[in-house]
Amino acid sequence: MDYLETGLIASYRQALTSLHQAGAPLRRARVHAQGLRGDKADAT
């Protein structure tokens, strides 16, 4: 793993970007599963 010196804001952005990318497959699977069931996230 490379070392990169950054400021607080850039470091926070990099962490959030990494988490967002790591969670993308889970979000896609969730949307796909909801589509198969016919559920909507905001439906009550």
Protein backbone atom coordinates (compact mmCIF):
# COMPACT_ATOMS: atom_id res chain seq x y z
CA MET A 1 0.00 0.00 0.00
CA ASP A 2 1.38 3.37 -0.98
CA TYR A 3 1.73 6.19 1.51
CA LEU A 4 0.15 9.49 0.55
CA GLU A 5 0.35 12.66 2.61
CA THR A 6 -2.88 14.66 2.51
CA GLY A 7 -4.83 17.16 4.56
CA LEU A 8 -7.83 16.37 6.72
CA ILE A 9 -10.49 17.07 4.07
CA ALA A 10 -8.70 15.13 1.32
CA SER A 11 -8.12 12.21 3.68
CA TYR A 12 -11.80 12.14 4.69
CA ARG A 13 -12.82 12.27 1.03
CA GLN A 14 -10.51 9.38 0.16
CA ALA A 15 -11.93 7.28 3.00
CA LEU A 16 -15.53 7.95 1.95
CA THR A 17 -14.74 7.25 -1.70
CA SER A 18 -13.14 3.94 -0.76
CA LEU A 19 -16.12 2.92 1.38
CA HIS A 20 -18.54 3.96 -1.38
CA GLN A 21 -16.69 1.84 -3.94
CA ALA A 22 -16.49 -1.14 -1.56
CA GLY A 23 -20.24 -1.00 -0.93
CA ALA A 24 -21.27 -0.66 -4.58
CA PRO A 25 -21.72 -4.42 -5.18
CA LEU A 26 -23.91 -4.67 -2.07
CA ARG A 27 -26.09 -1.77 -3.18
CA ARG A 28 -26.49 -3.29 -6.65
CA ALA A 29 -27.46 -6.66 -5.15
CA ARG A 30 -30.00 -4.96 -2.87
CA VAL A 31 -31.59 -3.04 -5.75
CA HIS A 32 -31.67 -6.20 -7.86
CA ALA A 33 -33.29 -8.21 -5.04
CA GLN A 34 -35.90 -5.51 -4.47
CA GLY A 35 -36.68 -5.48 -8.17
CA LEU A 36 -37.25 -9.22 -8.15
CA ARG A 37 -39.72 -8.94 -5.26
CA GLY A 38 -41.40 -5.84 -6.63
CA ASP A 39 -40.62 -3.87 -3.45
CA LYS A 40 -39.95 -0.17 -3.45
CA ALA A 41 -37.76 1.43 -0.80
CA ASP A 42 -40.20 4.29 -0.14
CA ALA A 43 -43.45 2.32 -0.44
CA THR A 44 -45.53 2.10 2.71
